[in-house]
């Protein structure tokens, strides 16, 4: 009897998990906000066009998106 109730409970939970809510959609990009952030934060070291005038700061212009995304994720405080 306990085994039957346990199995019933398992199948009920398994059935409800089928109706669970999916992952939330990622936030939509806001290019104007991104440009504002870049102008305020990034341009000071990397230049307004992404070509740093200082050798100590890497150039961002021309980098592949995956590299930039990884570096920003690692840099984020």
PDB file of N, CA and C in Angstrom:
ATOM      1  N   UNK A   1       0.825  -1.195   0.000  1.00  0.00           N
ATOM      2  CA  UNK A   1       0.000   0.000   0.000  1.00  0.00           C
ATOM      3  C   UNK A   1       0.872   1.264   0.000  1.00  0.00           C
ATOM      4  N   UNK A   2       1.927   1.275   0.840  1.00  0.00           N
ATOM      5  CA  UNK A   2       2.812   2.437   0.884  1.00  0.00           C
ATOM      6  C   UNK A   2       3.513   2.631  -0.460  1.00  0.00           C
ATOM      7  N   UNK A   3       3.891   1.508  -1.047  1.00  0.00           N
ATOM      8  CA  UNK A   3       4.571   1.576  -2.339  1.00  0.00           C
ATOM      9  C   UNK A   3       3.619   2.134  -3.404  1.00  0.00           C
ATOM     10  N   UNK A   4       2.392   1.716  -3.381  1.00  0.00           N
ATOM     11  CA  UNK A   4       1.410   2.194  -4.353  1.00  0.00           C
ATOM     12  C   UNK A   4       1.183   3.699  -4.187  1.00  0.00           C
ATOM     13  N   UNK A   5       1.095   4.166  -2.938  1.00  0.00           N
ATOM     14  CA  UNK A   5       0.917   5.599  -2.695  1.00  0.00           C
ATOM     15  C   UNK A   5       2.152   6.388  -3.135  1.00  0.00           C
ATOM     16  N   UNK A   6       3.326   5.817  -2.876  1.00  0.00           N
ATOM     17  CA  UNK A   6       4.558   6.484  -3.294  1.00  0.00           C
ATOM     18  C   UNK A   6       4.619   6.595  -4.815  1.00  0.00           C
ATOM     19  N   UNK A   7       4.261   5.526  -5.503  1.00  0.00           N
ATOM     20  CA  UNK A   7       4.254   5.553  -6.967  1.00  0.00           C
ATOM     21  C   UNK A   7       3.219   6.538  -7.497  1.00  0.00           C
ATOM     22  N   UNK A   8       2.059   6.558  -6.870  1.00  0.00           N
ATOM     23  CA  UNK A   8       1.015   7.493  -7.268  1.00  0.00           C
ATOM     24  C   UNK A   8       1.502   8.935  -7.092  1.00  0.00           C
ATOM     25  N   UNK A   9       2.126   9.201  -5.949  1.00  0.00           N
ATOM     26  CA  UNK A   9       2.668  10.539  -5.696  1.00  0.00           C
ATOM     27  C   UNK A   9       3.733  10.925  -6.720  1.00  0.00           C
ATOM     28  N   UNK A  10       4.584   9.962  -7.042  1.00  0.00           N
ATOM     29  CA  UNK A  10       5.629  10.213  -8.037  1.00  0.00           C
ATOM     30  C   UNK A  10       5.021  10.592  -9.382  1.00  0.00           C
ATOM     31  N   UNK A  11       4.046   9.810  -9.830  1.00  0.00           N
ATOM     32  CA  UNK A  11       3.447  10.061 -11.140  1.00  0.00           C
ATOM     33  C   UNK A  11       2.644  11.365 -11.162  1.00  0.00           C
ATOM     34  N   UNK A  12       2.041  11.712 -10.061  1.00  0.00           N
ATOM     35  CA  UNK A  12       1.325  12.992  -9.997  1.00  0.00           C
ATOM     36  C   UNK A  12       2.322  14.148 -10.120  1.00  0.00           C
ATOM     37  N   UNK A  13       3.424  14.056  -9.372  1.00  0.00           N
ATOM     38  CA  UNK A  13       4.453  15.108  -9.448  1.00  0.00           C
ATOM     39  C   UNK A  13       5.066  15.173 -10.843  1.00  0.00           C
ATOM     40  N   UNK A  14       5.323  14.013 -11.421  1.00  0.00           N
ATOM     41  CA  UNK A  14       5.891  13.976 -12.771  1.00  0.00           C
ATOM     42  C   UNK A  14       4.923  14.604 -13.769  1.00  0.00           C
ATOM     43  N   UNK A  15       3.654  14.347 -13.594  1.00  0.00           N
ATOM     44  CA  UNK A  15       2.656  14.927 -14.492  1.00  0.00           C
ATOM     45  C   UNK A  15       2.581  16.431 -14.374  1.00  0.00           C
ATOM     46  N   UNK A  16       2.648  16.956 -13.147  1.00  0.00           N
ATOM     47  CA  UNK A  16       2.593  18.400 -12.963  1.00  0.00           C
ATOM     48  C   UNK A  16       3.861  19.086 -13.443  1.00  0.00           C
ATOM     49  N   UNK A  17       4.981  18.395 -13.387  1.00  0.00           N
ATOM     50  CA  UNK A  17       6.218  19.023 -13.843  1.00  0.00           C
ATOM     51  C   UNK A  17       6.175  19.292 -15.342  1.00  0.00           C
ATOM     52  N   UNK A  18       5.345  18.557 -16.053  1.00  0.00           N
ATOM     53  CA  UNK A  18       5.193  18.780 -17.492  1.00  0.00           C
ATOM     54  C   UNK A  18       4.597  20.158 -17.769  1.00  0.00           C
ATOM     55  N   UNK A  19       3.817  20.667 -16.840  1.00  0.00           N
ATOM     56  CA  UNK A  19       3.152  21.948 -17.021  1.00  0.00           C
ATOM     57  C   UNK A  19       3.900  23.105 -16.371  1.00  0.00           C
ATOM     58  N   UNK A  20       5.129  22.861 -15.931  1.00  0.00           N
ATOM     59  CA  UNK A  20       5.865  23.925 -15.252  1.00  0.00           C
ATOM     60  C   UNK A  20       6.170  25.057 -16.223  1.00  0.00           C
ATOM     61  N   UNK A  21       6.361  26.229 -15.663  1.00  0.00           N
ATOM     62  CA  UNK A  21       6.629  27.413 -16.462  1.00  0.00           C
ATOM     63  C   UNK A  21       8.050  27.335 -16.995  1.00  0.00           C
ATOM     64  N   UNK A  22       8.240  27.690 -18.248  1.00  0.00           N
ATOM     65  CA  UNK A  22       9.562  27.671 -18.871  1.00  0.00           C
ATOM     66  C   UNK A  22      10.417  28.823 -18.376  1.00  0.00           C
ATOM     67  N   UNK A  23      11.634  28.855 -18.843  1.00  0.00           N
ATOM     68  CA  UNK A  23      12.564  29.910 -18.457  1.00  0.00           C
ATOM     69  C   UNK A  23      12.065  31.255 -18.985  1.00  0.00           C
ATOM     70  N   UNK A  24      12.351  32.282 -18.228  1.00  0.00           N
ATOM     71  CA  UNK A  24      11.945  33.627 -18.628  1.00  0.00           C
ATOM     72  C   UNK A  24      12.741  34.057 -19.855  1.00  0.00           C
ATOM     73  N   UNK A  25      12.121  34.862 -20.688  1.00  0.00           N
ATOM     74  CA  UNK A  25      12.808  35.368 -21.866  1.00  0.00           C
ATOM     75  C   UNK A  25      13.870  36.372 -21.436  1.00  0.00           C
ATOM     76  N   UNK A  26      15.009  36.380 -22.128  1.00  0.00           N
ATOM     77  CA  UNK A  26      16.035  37.359 -21.777  1.00  0.00           C
ATOM     78  C   UNK A  26      15.526  38.777 -22.016  1.00  0.00           C
ATOM     79  N   UNK A  27      16.084  39.701 -21.289  1.00  0.00           N
ATOM     80  CA  UNK A  27      15.683  41.098 -21.437  1.00  0.00           C
ATOM     81  C   UNK A  27      16.012  41.577 -22.845  1.00  0.00           C
ATOM     82  N   UNK A  28      15.172  42.436 -23.372  1.00  0.00           N
ATOM     83  CA  UNK A  28      15.408  42.971 -24.711  1.00  0.00           C
ATOM     84  C   UNK A  28      16.510  44.020 -24.648  1.00  0.00           C
ATOM     85  N   UNK A  29      17.323  44.030 -25.670  1.00  0.00           N
ATOM     86  CA  UNK A  29      18.433  44.975 -25.734  1.00  0.00           C
ATOM     87  C   UNK A  29      17.916  46.394 -25.944  1.00  0.00           C
ATOM     88  N   UNK A  30      18.587  47.327 -25.319  1.00  0.00           N
ATOM     89  CA  UNK A  30      18.271  48.743 -25.481  1.00  0.00           C
ATOM     90  C   UNK A  30      19.543  49.430 -25.985  1.00  0.00           C
ATOM     91  N   UNK A  31      19.688  49.568 -27.302  1.00  0.00           N
ATOM     92  CA  UNK A  31      20.917  50.136 -27.860  1.00  0.00           C
ATOM     93  C   UNK A  31      21.258  51.525 -27.316  1.00  0.00           C
ATOM     94  N   UNK A  32      20.261  52.349 -27.096  1.00  0.00           N
ATOM     95  CA  UNK A  32      20.521  53.699 -26.582  1.00  0.00           C
ATOM     96  C   UNK A  32      21.114  53.637 -25.179  1.00  0.00           C
ATOM     97  N   UNK A  33      20.587  52.750 -24.357  1.00  0.00           N
ATOM     98  CA  UNK A  33      21.113  52.600 -22.998  1.00  0.00           C
ATOM     99  C   UNK A  33      22.538  52.052 -23.041  1.00  0.00           C
ATOM    100  N   UNK A  34      22.774  51.084 -23.919  1.00  0.00           N
ATOM    101  CA  UNK A  34      24.122  50.527 -24.061  1.00  0.00           C
ATOM    102  C   UNK A  34      25.121  51.573 -24.512  1.00  0.00           C
ATOM    103  N   UNK A  35      24.725  52.410 -25.455  1.00  0.00           N
ATOM    104  CA  UNK A  35      25.607  53.476 -25.935  1.00  0.00           C
ATOM    105  C   UNK A  35      25.902  54.469 -24.825  1.00  0.00           C
ATOM    106  N   UNK A  36      24.897  54.789 -24.025  1.00  0.00           N
ATOM    107  CA  UNK A  36      25.084  55.708 -22.907  1.00  0.00           C
ATOM    108  C   UNK A  36      26.072  55.145 -21.890  1.00  0.00           C
ATOM    109  N   UNK A  37      25.930  53.858 -21.578  1.00  0.00           N
ATOM    110  CA  UNK A  37      26.850  53.212 -20.635  1.00  0.00           C
ATOM    111  C   UNK A  37      28.263  53.209 -21.203  1.00  0.00           C
ATOM    112  N   UNK A  38      28.399  52.871 -22.479  1.00  0.00           N
ATOM    113  CA  UNK A  38      29.721  52.840 -23.111  1.00  0.00           C
ATOM    114  C   UNK A  38      30.368  54.221 -23.087  1.00  0.00           C
ATOM    115  N   UNK A  39      29.585  55.251 -23.359  1.00  0.00           N
ATOM    116  CA  UNK A  39      30.131  56.609 -23.351  1.00  0.00           C
ATOM    117  C   UNK A  39      30.578  57.033 -21.961  1.00  0.00           C
ATOM    118  N   UNK A  40      29.848  56.627 -20.938  1.00  0.00           N
ATOM    119  CA  UNK A  40      30.173  57.029 -19.571  1.00  0.00           C
ATOM    120  C   UNK A  40      31.298  56.202 -18.966  1.00  0.00           C
ATOM    121  N   UNK A  41      31.316  54.914 -19.245  1.00  0.00           N
ATOM    122  CA  UNK A  41      32.233  54.022 -18.539  1.00  0.00           C
ATOM    123  C   UNK A  41      33.399  53.550 -19.409  1.00  0.00           C
ATOM    124  N   UNK A  42      33.104  53.023 -20.563  1.00  0.00           N
ATOM    125  CA  UNK A  42      34.126  52.362 -21.388  1.00  0.00           C
ATOM    126  C   UNK A  42      35.047  53.348 -22.097  1.00  0.00           C
ATOM    127  N   UNK A  43      34.465  54.432 -22.621  1.00  0.00           N
ATOM    128  CA  UNK A  43      35.227  55.359 -23.457  1.00  0.00           C
ATOM    129  C   UNK A  43      36.374  56.024 -22.709  1.00  0.00           C
ATOM    130  N   UNK A  44      36.266  56.167 -21.422  1.00  0.00           N
ATOM    131  CA  UNK A  44      37.321  56.821 -20.655  1.00  0.00           C
ATOM    132  C   UNK A  44      38.662  56.106 -20.807  1.00  0.00           C
ATOM    133  N   UNK A  45      38.637  54.791 -20.878  1.00  0.00           N
ATOM    134  CA  UNK A  45      39.882  54.020 -20.995  1.00  0.00           C
ATOM    135  C   UNK A  45      40.110  53.452 -22.392  1.00  0.00           C
ATOM    136  N   UNK A  46      39.028  53.116 -23.083  1.00  0.00           N
ATOM    137  CA  UNK A  46      39.144  52.411 -24.359  1.00  0.00           C
ATOM    138  C   UNK A  46      38.900  53.307 -25.565  1.00  0.00           C
ATOM    139  N   UNK A  47      38.623  54.588 -25.342  1.00  0.00           N
ATOM    140  CA  UNK A  47      38.372  55.505 -26.443  1.00  0.00           C
ATOM    141  C   UNK A  47      36.926  55.442 -26.899  1.00  0.00           C
ATOM    142  N   UNK A  48      36.449  56.541 -27.447  1.00  0.00           N
ATOM    143  CA  UNK A  48      35.051  56.620 -27.869  1.00  0.00           C
ATOM    144  C   UNK A  48      34.732  55.641 -28.990  1.00  0.00           C
ATOM    145  N   UNK A  49      35.731  55.316 -29.811  1.00  0.00           N
ATOM    146  CA  UNK A  49      35.503  54.395 -30.925  1.00  0.00           C
ATOM    147  C   UNK A  49      36.017  52.983 -30.636  1.00  0.00           C
ATOM    148  N   UNK A  50      36.463  52.732 -29.401  1.00  0.00           N
ATOM    149  CA  UNK A  50      36.947  51.399 -29.033  1.00  0.00           C
ATOM    150  C   UNK A  50      38.415  51.170 -29.329  1.00  0.00           C
ATOM    151  N   UNK A  51      39.105  52.179 -29.840  1.00  0.00           N
ATOM    152  CA  UNK A  51      40.540  52.086 -30.120  1.00  0.00           C
ATOM    153  C   UNK A  51      41.289  52.872 -29.054  1.00  0.00           C
ATOM    154  N   UNK A  52      41.731  52.171 -28.040  1.00  0.00           N
ATOM    155  CA  UNK A  52      42.378  52.797 -26.901  1.00  0.00           C
ATOM    156  C   UNK A  52      43.652  53.526 -27.311  1.00  0.00           C
ATOM    157  N   UNK A  53      43.806  54.772 -26.859  1.00  0.00           N
ATOM    158  CA  UNK A  53      45.045  55.492 -27.134  1.00  0.00           C
ATOM    159  C   UNK A  53      46.186  55.056 -26.206  1.00  0.00           C
ATOM    160  N   UNK A  54      45.851  54.324 -25.158  1.00  0.00           N
ATOM    161  CA  UNK A  54      46.830  53.882 -24.171  1.00  0.00           C
ATOM    162  C   UNK A  54      47.149  52.407 -24.369  1.00  0.00           C
ATOM    163  N   UNK A  55      48.422  52.041 -24.499  1.00  0.00           N
ATOM    164  CA  UNK A  55      48.778  50.633 -24.719  1.00  0.00           C
ATOM    165  C   UNK A  55      48.331  49.695 -23.585  1.00  0.00           C
ATOM    166  N   UNK A  56      48.178  50.219 -22.381  1.00  0.00           N
ATOM    167  CA  UNK A  56      47.790  49.374 -21.245  1.00  0.00           C
ATOM    168  C   UNK A  56      46.330  48.921 -21.321  1.00  0.00           C
ATOM    169  N   UNK A  57      45.511  49.636 -22.085  1.00  0.00           N
ATOM    170  CA  UNK A  57      44.091  49.296 -22.209  1.00  0.00           C
ATOM    171  C   UNK A  57      43.850  48.607 -23.550  1.00  0.00           C
ATOM    172  N   UNK A  58      43.216  47.448 -23.535  1.00  0.00           N
ATOM    173  CA  UNK A  58      43.007  46.729 -24.796  1.00  0.00           C
ATOM    174  C   UNK A  58      42.040  47.459 -25.731  1.00  0.00           C
ATOM    175  N   UNK A  59      42.268  47.265 -27.021  1.00  0.00           N
ATOM    176  CA  UNK A  59      41.360  47.823 -28.026  1.00  0.00           C
ATOM    177  C   UNK A  59      40.123  46.938 -28.104  1.00  0.00           C
ATOM    178  N   UNK A  60      38.961  47.554 -28.121  1.00  0.00           N
ATOM    179  CA  UNK A  60      37.701  46.817 -28.195  1.00  0.00           C
ATOM    180  C   UNK A  60      37.151  46.764 -29.613  1.00  0.00           C
ATOM    181  N   UNK A  61      37.506  47.739 -30.424  1.00  0.00           N
ATOM    182  CA  UNK A  61      37.008  47.783 -31.802  1.00  0.00           C
ATOM    183  C   UNK A  61      37.515  46.569 -32.575  1.00  0.00           C
ATOM    184  N   UNK A  62      36.605  45.911 -33.265  1.00  0.00           N
ATOM    185  CA  UNK A  62      36.972  44.771 -34.097  1.00  0.00           C
ATOM    186  C   UNK A  62      37.018  43.436 -33.378  1.00  0.00           C
ATOM    187  N   UNK A  63      36.803  43.426 -32.075  1.00  0.00           N
ATOM    188  CA  UNK A  63      36.805  42.159 -31.327  1.00  0.00           C
ATOM    189  C   UNK A  63      35.539  41.371 -31.649  1.00  0.00           C
ATOM    190  N   UNK A  64      35.636  40.049 -31.551  1.00  0.00           N
ATOM    191  CA  UNK A  64      34.456  39.219 -31.789  1.00  0.00           C
ATOM    192  C   UNK A  64      33.513  39.322 -30.592  1.00  0.00           C
ATOM    193  N   UNK A  65      32.206  39.255 -30.815  1.00  0.00           N
ATOM    194  CA  UNK A  65      31.225  39.421 -29.733  1.00  0.00           C
ATOM    195  C   UNK A  65      31.432  38.448 -28.567  1.00  0.00           C
ATOM    196  N   UNK A  66      31.801  37.201 -28.859  1.00  0.00           N
ATOM    197  CA  UNK A  66      31.986  36.211 -27.787  1.00  0.00           C
ATOM    198  C   UNK A  66      33.118  36.623 -26.848  1.00  0.00           C
ATOM    199  N   UNK A  67      34.189  37.184 -27.400  1.00  0.00           N
ATOM    200  CA  UNK A  67      35.310  37.646 -26.574  1.00  0.00           C
ATOM    201  C   UNK A  67      34.858  38.780 -25.663  1.00  0.00           C
ATOM    202  N   UNK A  68      34.169  39.751 -26.250  1.00  0.00           N
ATOM    203  CA  UNK A  68      33.710  40.889 -25.455  1.00  0.00           C
ATOM    204  C   UNK A  68      32.749  40.458 -24.356  1.00  0.00           C
ATOM    205  N   UNK A  69      31.840  39.545 -24.690  1.00  0.00           N
ATOM    206  CA  UNK A  69      30.874  39.063 -23.700  1.00  0.00           C
ATOM    207  C   UNK A  69      31.586  38.358 -22.549  1.00  0.00           C
ATOM    208  N   UNK A  70      32.559  37.516 -22.873  1.00  0.00           N
ATOM    209  CA  UNK A  70      33.308  36.790 -21.839  1.00  0.00           C
ATOM    210  C   UNK A  70      34.095  37.758 -20.962  1.00  0.00           C
ATOM    211  N   UNK A  71      34.774  38.706 -21.583  1.00  0.00           N
ATOM    212  CA  UNK A  71      35.569  39.658 -20.822  1.00  0.00           C
ATOM    213  C   UNK A  71      34.689  40.526 -19.924  1.00  0.00           C
ATOM    214  N   UNK A  72      33.543  40.965 -20.426  1.00  0.00           N
ATOM    215  CA  UNK A  72      32.642  41.770 -19.603  1.00  0.00           C
ATOM    216  C   UNK A  72      32.091  40.969 -18.435  1.00  0.00           C
ATOM    217  N   UNK A  73      31.781  39.699 -18.667  1.00  0.00           N
ATOM    218  CA  UNK A  73      31.272  38.848 -17.583  1.00  0.00           C
ATOM    219  C   UNK A  73      32.342  38.649 -16.517  1.00  0.00           C
ATOM    220  N   UNK A  74      33.595  38.501 -16.929  1.00  0.00           N
ATOM    221  CA  UNK A  74      34.689  38.322 -15.970  1.00  0.00           C
ATOM    222  C   UNK A  74      35.011  39.616 -15.240  1.00  0.00           C
ATOM    223  N   UNK A  75      34.816  40.751 -15.883  1.00  0.00           N
ATOM    224  CA  UNK A  75      35.147  42.054 -15.317  1.00  0.00           C
ATOM    225  C   UNK A  75      34.075  42.574 -14.377  1.00  0.00           C
ATOM    226  N   UNK A  76      32.845  42.174 -14.617  1.00  0.00           N
ATOM    227  CA  UNK A  76      31.701  42.689 -13.856  1.00  0.00           C
ATOM    228  C   UNK A  76      31.915  42.484 -12.356  1.00  0.00           C
ATOM    229  N   UNK A  77      31.794  43.572 -11.566  1.00  0.00           N
ATOM    230  CA  UNK A  77      32.024  43.448 -10.105  1.00  0.00           C
ATOM    231  C   UNK A  77      30.959  42.648  -9.391  1.00  0.00           C
TER     232      UNK A  77
END
